[in-house]
Amino acid sequence: MATFSLGKHPHVDLCDLLKLEGWVESGAMAKSLIAEGHVTVNGAVELRKRCKIVAGQVVEFDGNQVTVTA
């Protein structure tokens, strides 16, 4: 399973994570897909575009999965 490191940051916004992982081409596309219910966090559909993703959470989209680490 893929991991995403927060580095020195306490969290990453969900829409930014999708862009950083290369799953979407733009922030607008990420926000639209999140609003339409295509993204899950820890197995639950997440509709908040700027949801703060912290270490230990698992984000899934379109067959891709990433675990966020500190």
PDB file of N, CA and C in Angstrom:
ATOM      1  N   MET A   1       0.849  -1.192   0.000  1.00  0.00           N
ATOM      2  CA  MET A   1       0.000   0.000   0.000  1.00  0.00           C
ATOM      3  C   MET A   1       0.885   1.243   0.000  1.00  0.00           C
ATOM      4  N   ALA A   2       0.501   2.239  -0.732  1.00  0.00           N
ATOM      5  CA  ALA A   2       1.262   3.479  -0.831  1.00  0.00           C
ATOM      6  C   ALA A   2       1.128   4.296   0.453  1.00  0.00           C
ATOM      7  N   THR A   3       2.145   5.114   0.717  1.00  0.00           N
ATOM      8  CA  THR A   3       2.086   6.012   1.872  1.00  0.00           C
ATOM      9  C   THR A   3       2.371   7.433   1.412  1.00  0.00           C
ATOM     10  N   PHE A   4       1.862   8.388   2.181  1.00  0.00           N
ATOM     11  CA  PHE A   4       2.108   9.809   1.934  1.00  0.00           C
ATOM     12  C   PHE A   4       2.595  10.398   3.241  1.00  0.00           C
ATOM     13  N   SER A   5       3.779  10.992   3.229  1.00  0.00           N
ATOM     14  CA  SER A   5       4.349  11.559   4.445  1.00  0.00           C
ATOM     15  C   SER A   5       3.982  13.032   4.587  1.00  0.00           C
ATOM     16  N   LEU A   6       3.504  13.393   5.765  1.00  0.00           N
ATOM     17  CA  LEU A   6       3.160  14.786   6.045  1.00  0.00           C
ATOM     18  C   LEU A   6       4.403  15.635   6.258  1.00  0.00           C
ATOM     19  N   GLY A   7       5.532  14.994   6.498  1.00  0.00           N
ATOM     20  CA  GLY A   7       6.749  15.752   6.770  1.00  0.00           C
ATOM     21  C   GLY A   7       6.585  16.535   8.063  1.00  0.00           C
ATOM     22  N   LYS A   8       6.812  17.823   7.998  1.00  0.00           N
ATOM     23  CA  LYS A   8       6.707  18.669   9.194  1.00  0.00           C
ATOM     24  C   LYS A   8       5.320  19.274   9.372  1.00  0.00           C
ATOM     25  N   HIS A   9       4.398  18.944   8.471  1.00  0.00           N
ATOM     26  CA  HIS A   9       3.061  19.527   8.524  1.00  0.00           C
ATOM     27  C   HIS A   9       2.131  18.669   9.391  1.00  0.00           C
ATOM     28  N   PRO A  10       1.189  19.291  10.109  1.00  0.00           N
ATOM     29  CA  PRO A  10       0.268  18.522  10.957  1.00  0.00           C
ATOM     30  C   PRO A  10      -0.837  17.823  10.176  1.00  0.00           C
ATOM     31  N   HIS A  11      -1.140  18.322   8.972  1.00  0.00           N
ATOM     32  CA  HIS A  11      -2.216  17.743   8.161  1.00  0.00           C
ATOM     33  C   HIS A  11      -2.058  18.178   6.703  1.00  0.00           C
ATOM     34  N   VAL A  12      -2.879  17.576   5.841  1.00  0.00           N
ATOM     35  CA  VAL A  12      -2.954  17.992   4.437  1.00  0.00           C
ATOM     36  C   VAL A  12      -4.443  18.025   4.076  1.00  0.00           C
ATOM     37  N   ASP A  13      -4.860  19.034   3.322  1.00  0.00           N
ATOM     38  CA  ASP A  13      -6.254  19.095   2.887  1.00  0.00           C
ATOM     39  C   ASP A  13      -6.512  17.957   1.904  1.00  0.00           C
ATOM     40  N   LEU A  14      -7.699  17.377   1.981  1.00  0.00           N
ATOM     41  CA  LEU A  14      -8.045  16.238   1.133  1.00  0.00           C
ATOM     42  C   LEU A  14      -7.875  16.562  -0.352  1.00  0.00           C
ATOM     43  N   CYS A  15      -8.358  17.712  -0.786  1.00  0.00           N
ATOM     44  CA  CYS A  15      -8.251  18.061  -2.213  1.00  0.00           C
ATOM     45  C   CYS A  15      -6.788  18.191  -2.634  1.00  0.00           C
ATOM     46  N   ASP A  16      -5.929  18.686  -1.742  1.00  0.00           N
ATOM     47  CA  ASP A  16      -4.508  18.801  -2.056  1.00  0.00           C
ATOM     48  C   ASP A  16      -3.844  17.431  -2.131  1.00  0.00           C
ATOM     49  N   LEU A  17      -4.256  16.516  -1.267  1.00  0.00           N
ATOM     50  CA  LEU A  17      -3.685  15.168  -1.276  1.00  0.00           C
ATOM     51  C   LEU A  17      -3.938  14.474  -2.615  1.00  0.00           C
ATOM     52  N   LEU A  18      -5.141  14.624  -3.140  1.00  0.00           N
ATOM     53  CA  LEU A  18      -5.460  14.009  -4.428  1.00  0.00           C
ATOM     54  C   LEU A  18      -4.547  14.554  -5.529  1.00  0.00           C
ATOM     55  N   LYS A  19      -4.270  15.856  -5.482  1.00  0.00           N
ATOM     56  CA  LYS A  19      -3.375  16.463  -6.469  1.00  0.00           C
ATOM     57  C   LYS A  19      -1.938  15.986  -6.261  1.00  0.00           C
ATOM     58  N   LEU A  20      -1.476  15.993  -5.034  1.00  0.00           N
ATOM     59  CA  LEU A  20      -0.095  15.605  -4.729  1.00  0.00           C
ATOM     60  C   LEU A  20       0.186  14.150  -5.091  1.00  0.00           C
ATOM     61  N   GLU A  21      -0.825  13.306  -4.956  1.00  0.00           N
ATOM     62  CA  GLU A  21      -0.664  11.893  -5.313  1.00  0.00           C
ATOM     63  C   GLU A  21      -0.751  11.673  -6.832  1.00  0.00           C
ATOM     64  N   GLY A  22      -1.143  12.716  -7.570  1.00  0.00           N
ATOM     65  CA  GLY A  22      -1.258  12.594  -9.017  1.00  0.00           C
ATOM     66  C   GLY A  22      -2.528  11.887  -9.470  1.00  0.00           C
ATOM     67  N   TRP A  23      -3.494  11.789  -8.580  1.00  0.00           N
ATOM     68  CA  TRP A  23      -4.753  11.106  -8.901  1.00  0.00           C
ATOM     69  C   TRP A  23      -5.672  11.980  -9.732  1.00  0.00           C
ATOM     70  N   VAL A  24      -5.499  13.300  -9.657  1.00  0.00           N
ATOM     71  CA  VAL A  24      -6.299  14.247 -10.441  1.00  0.00           C
ATOM     72  C   VAL A  24      -5.365  15.279 -11.050  1.00  0.00           C
ATOM     73  N   GLU A  25      -5.848  15.951 -12.095  1.00  0.00           N
ATOM     74  CA  GLU A  25      -5.013  16.930 -12.786  1.00  0.00           C
ATOM     75  C   GLU A  25      -5.088  18.327 -12.192  1.00  0.00           C
ATOM     76  N   SER A  26      -6.181  18.623 -11.473  1.00  0.00           N
ATOM     77  CA  SER A  26      -6.338  19.975 -10.950  1.00  0.00           C
ATOM     78  C   SER A  26      -7.099  19.968  -9.635  1.00  0.00           C
ATOM     79  N   GLY A  27      -6.970  21.085  -8.913  1.00  0.00           N
ATOM     80  CA  GLY A  27      -7.704  21.238  -7.672  1.00  0.00           C
ATOM     81  C   GLY A  27      -9.197  21.260  -7.913  1.00  0.00           C
ATOM     82  N   ALA A  28      -9.613  21.866  -9.007  1.00  0.00           N
ATOM     83  CA  ALA A  28     -11.042  21.932  -9.324  1.00  0.00           C
ATOM     84  C   ALA A  28     -11.605  20.529  -9.553  1.00  0.00           C
ATOM     85  N   MET A  29     -10.831  19.689 -10.234  1.00  0.00           N
ATOM     86  CA  MET A  29     -11.266  18.316 -10.479  1.00  0.00           C
ATOM     87  C   MET A  29     -11.356  17.553  -9.151  1.00  0.00           C
ATOM     88  N   ALA A  30     -10.370  17.752  -8.283  1.00  0.00           N
ATOM     89  CA  ALA A  30     -10.377  17.086  -6.976  1.00  0.00           C
ATOM     90  C   ALA A  30     -11.608  17.491  -6.178  1.00  0.00           C
ATOM     91  N   LYS A  31     -11.897  18.780  -6.124  1.00  0.00           N
ATOM     92  CA  LYS A  31     -13.042  19.270  -5.353  1.00  0.00           C
ATOM     93  C   LYS A  31     -14.350  18.719  -5.895  1.00  0.00           C
ATOM     94  N   SER A  32     -14.463  18.642  -7.205  1.00  0.00           N
ATOM     95  CA  SER A  32     -15.673  18.125  -7.824  1.00  0.00           C
ATOM     96  C   SER A  32     -15.870  16.648  -7.484  1.00  0.00           C
ATOM     97  N   LEU A  33     -14.813  15.856  -7.602  1.00  0.00           N
ATOM     98  CA  LEU A  33     -14.909  14.427  -7.317  1.00  0.00           C
ATOM     99  C   LEU A  33     -15.216  14.160  -5.848  1.00  0.00           C
ATOM    100  N   ILE A  34     -14.641  14.969  -4.969  1.00  0.00           N
ATOM    101  CA  ILE A  34     -14.925  14.827  -3.532  1.00  0.00           C
ATOM    102  C   ILE A  34     -16.399  15.145  -3.274  1.00  0.00           C
ATOM    103  N   ALA A  35     -16.882  16.257  -3.833  1.00  0.00           N
ATOM    104  CA  ALA A  35     -18.275  16.678  -3.631  1.00  0.00           C
ATOM    105  C   ALA A  35     -19.269  15.645  -4.162  1.00  0.00           C
ATOM    106  N   GLU A  36     -18.861  14.893  -5.197  1.00  0.00           N
ATOM    107  CA  GLU A  36     -19.734  13.879  -5.787  1.00  0.00           C
ATOM    108  C   GLU A  36     -19.679  12.550  -5.040  1.00  0.00           C
ATOM    109  N   GLY A  37     -18.842  12.477  -3.997  1.00  0.00           N
ATOM    110  CA  GLY A  37     -18.803  11.275  -3.166  1.00  0.00           C
ATOM    111  C   GLY A  37     -17.909  10.163  -3.673  1.00  0.00           C
ATOM    112  N   HIS A  38     -16.891  10.492  -4.457  1.00  0.00           N
ATOM    113  CA  HIS A  38     -16.007   9.473  -5.028  1.00  0.00           C
ATOM    114  C   HIS A  38     -14.787   9.156  -4.164  1.00  0.00           C
ATOM    115  N   VAL A  39     -14.618   9.870  -3.042  1.00  0.00           N
ATOM    116  CA  VAL A  39     -13.429   9.699  -2.206  1.00  0.00           C
ATOM    117  C   VAL A  39     -13.847   9.220  -0.818  1.00  0.00           C
ATOM    118  N   THR A  40     -13.088   8.239  -0.286  1.00  0.00           N
ATOM    119  CA  THR A  40     -13.358   7.793   1.079  1.00  0.00           C
ATOM    120  C   THR A  40     -12.138   8.044   1.959  1.00  0.00           C
ATOM    121  N   VAL A  41     -12.428   8.289   3.232  1.00  0.00           N
ATOM    122  CA  VAL A  41     -11.399   8.432   4.255  1.00  0.00           C
ATOM    123  C   VAL A  41     -11.728   7.420   5.341  1.00  0.00           C
ATOM    124  N   ASN A  42     -10.802   6.510   5.593  1.00  0.00           N
ATOM    125  CA  ASN A  42     -11.010   5.425   6.566  1.00  0.00           C
ATOM    126  C   ASN A  42     -12.287   4.645   6.253  1.00  0.00           C
ATOM    127  N   GLY A  43     -12.567   4.452   4.967  1.00  0.00           N
ATOM    128  CA  GLY A  43     -13.697   3.639   4.545  1.00  0.00           C
ATOM    129  C   GLY A  43     -15.036   4.344   4.462  1.00  0.00           C
ATOM    130  N   ALA A  44     -15.098   5.611   4.865  1.00  0.00           N
ATOM    131  CA  ALA A  44     -16.356   6.370   4.824  1.00  0.00           C
ATOM    132  C   ALA A  44     -16.264   7.469   3.761  1.00  0.00           C
ATOM    133  N   VAL A  45     -17.351   7.663   3.025  1.00  0.00           N
ATOM    134  CA  VAL A  45     -17.373   8.718   2.006  1.00  0.00           C
ATOM    135  C   VAL A  45     -17.156  10.069   2.681  1.00  0.00           C
ATOM    136  N   GLU A  46     -16.248  10.860   2.127  1.00  0.00           N
ATOM    137  CA  GLU A  46     -15.934  12.187   2.666  1.00  0.00           C
ATOM    138  C   GLU A  46     -16.321  13.235   1.628  1.00  0.00           C
ATOM    139  N   LEU A  47     -17.204  14.161   2.024  1.00  0.00           N
ATOM    140  CA  LEU A  47     -17.689  15.191   1.103  1.00  0.00           C
ATOM    141  C   LEU A  47     -17.054  16.559   1.339  1.00  0.00           C
ATOM    142  N   ARG A  48     -16.262  16.697   2.396  1.00  0.00           N
ATOM    143  CA  ARG A  48     -15.617  17.983   2.696  1.00  0.00           C
ATOM    144  C   ARG A  48     -14.318  18.103   1.901  1.00  0.00           C
ATOM    145  N   LYS A  49     -14.272  19.083   1.014  1.00  0.00           N
ATOM    146  CA  LYS A  49     -13.117  19.252   0.127  1.00  0.00           C
ATOM    147  C   LYS A  49     -11.838  19.559   0.897  1.00  0.00           C
ATOM    148  N   ARG A  50     -11.965  20.334   1.949  1.00  0.00           N
ATOM    149  CA  ARG A  50     -10.797  20.757   2.725  1.00  0.00           C
ATOM    150  C   ARG A  50     -10.662  19.973   4.030  1.00  0.00           C
ATOM    151  N   CYS A  51     -11.227  18.769   4.059  1.00  0.00           N
ATOM    152  CA  CYS A  51     -11.095  17.906   5.231  1.00  0.00           C
ATOM    153  C   CYS A  51      -9.613  17.760   5.568  1.00  0.00           C
ATOM    154  N   LYS A  52      -9.267  17.955   6.833  1.00  0.00           N
ATOM    155  CA  LYS A  52      -7.873  17.856   7.265  1.00  0.00           C
ATOM    156  C   LYS A  52      -7.501  16.382   7.436  1.00  0.00           C
ATOM    157  N   ILE A  53      -6.609  15.901   6.596  1.00  0.00           N
ATOM    158  CA  ILE A  53      -6.167  14.512   6.657  1.00  0.00           C
ATOM    159  C   ILE A  53      -4.897  14.464   7.516  1.00  0.00           C
ATOM    160  N   VAL A  54      -4.930  13.618   8.554  1.00  0.00           N
ATOM    161  CA  VAL A  54      -3.813  13.521   9.489  1.00  0.00           C
ATOM    162  C   VAL A  54      -3.194  12.129   9.431  1.00  0.00           C
ATOM    163  N   ALA A  55      -2.053  11.975  10.091  1.00  0.00           N
ATOM    164  CA  ALA A  55      -1.338  10.699  10.109  1.00  0.00           C
ATOM    165  C   ALA A  55      -2.247   9.586  10.623  1.00  0.00           C
ATOM    166  N   GLY A  56      -2.168   8.446   9.966  1.00  0.00           N
ATOM    167  CA  GLY A  56      -2.956   7.285  10.363  1.00  0.00           C
ATOM    168  C   GLY A  56      -4.216   7.087   9.541  1.00  0.00           C
ATOM    169  N   GLN A  57      -4.614   8.102   8.787  1.00  0.00           N
ATOM    170  CA  GLN A  57      -5.822   7.977   7.980  1.00  0.00           C
ATOM    171  C   GLN A  57      -5.501   7.339   6.623  1.00  0.00           C
ATOM    172  N   VAL A  58      -6.489   6.632   6.076  1.00  0.00           N
ATOM    173  CA  VAL A  58      -6.357   5.978   4.782  1.00  0.00           C
ATOM    174  C   VAL A  58      -7.343   6.625   3.811  1.00  0.00           C
ATOM    175  N   VAL A  59      -6.835   7.099   2.687  1.00  0.00           N
ATOM    176  CA  VAL A  59      -7.664   7.763   1.682  1.00  0.00           C
ATOM    177  C   VAL A  59      -7.722   6.867   0.448  1.00  0.00           C
ATOM    178  N   GLU A  60      -8.943   6.700  -0.100  1.00  0.00           N
ATOM    179  CA  GLU A  60      -9.123   5.880  -1.297  1.00  0.00           C
ATOM    180  C   GLU A  60      -9.881   6.661  -2.358  1.00  0.00           C
ATOM    181  N   PHE A  61      -9.457   6.454  -3.616  1.00  0.00           N
ATOM    182  CA  PHE A  61     -10.121   7.077  -4.747  1.00  0.00           C
ATOM    183  C   PHE A  61      -9.815   6.285  -6.007  1.00  0.00           C
ATOM    184  N   ASP A  62     -10.831   5.903  -6.728  1.00  0.00           N
ATOM    185  CA  ASP A  62     -10.690   5.287  -8.047  1.00  0.00           C
ATOM    186  C   ASP A  62      -9.709   4.113  -8.059  1.00  0.00           C
ATOM    187  N   GLY A  63      -9.813   3.248  -7.061  1.00  0.00           N
ATOM    188  CA  GLY A  63      -8.947   2.083  -6.990  1.00  0.00           C
ATOM    189  C   GLY A  63      -7.583   2.332  -6.396  1.00  0.00           C
ATOM    190  N   ASN A  64      -7.306   3.575  -6.053  1.00  0.00           N
ATOM    191  CA  ASN A  64      -6.027   3.932  -5.428  1.00  0.00           C
ATOM    192  C   ASN A  64      -6.227   4.067  -3.923  1.00  0.00           C
ATOM    193  N   GLN A  65      -5.196   3.720  -3.161  1.00  0.00           N
ATOM    194  CA  GLN A  65      -5.290   3.838  -1.711  1.00  0.00           C
ATOM    195  C   GLN A  65      -3.940   4.348  -1.181  1.00  0.00           C
ATOM    196  N   VAL A  66      -4.004   5.266  -0.223  1.00  0.00           N
ATOM    197  CA  VAL A  66      -2.776   5.776   0.370  1.00  0.00           C
ATOM    198  C   VAL A  66      -2.985   5.936   1.875  1.00  0.00           C
ATOM    199  N   THR A  67      -1.970   5.548   2.640  1.00  0.00           N
ATOM    200  CA  THR A  67      -1.977   5.719   4.089  1.00  0.00           C
ATOM    201  C   THR A  67      -1.112   6.935   4.403  1.00  0.00           C
ATOM    202  N   VAL A  68      -1.650   7.845   5.198  1.00  0.00           N
ATOM    203  CA  VAL A  68      -0.922   9.070   5.549  1.00  0.00           C
ATOM    204  C   VAL A  68      -0.069   8.799   6.786  1.00  0.00           C
ATOM    205  N   THR A  69       1.202   9.181   6.703  1.00  0.00           N
ATOM    206  CA  THR A  69       2.140   8.989   7.819  1.00  0.00           C
ATOM    207  C   THR A  69       2.700  10.327   8.262  1.00  0.00           C
ATOM    208  N   ALA A  70       3.194  10.342   9.485  1.00  0.00           N
ATOM    209  CA  ALA A  70       3.766  11.579  10.052  1.00  0.00           C
ATOM    210  C   ALA A  70       5.119  11.885   9.425  1.00  0.00           C
TER     211      ALA A  70
END
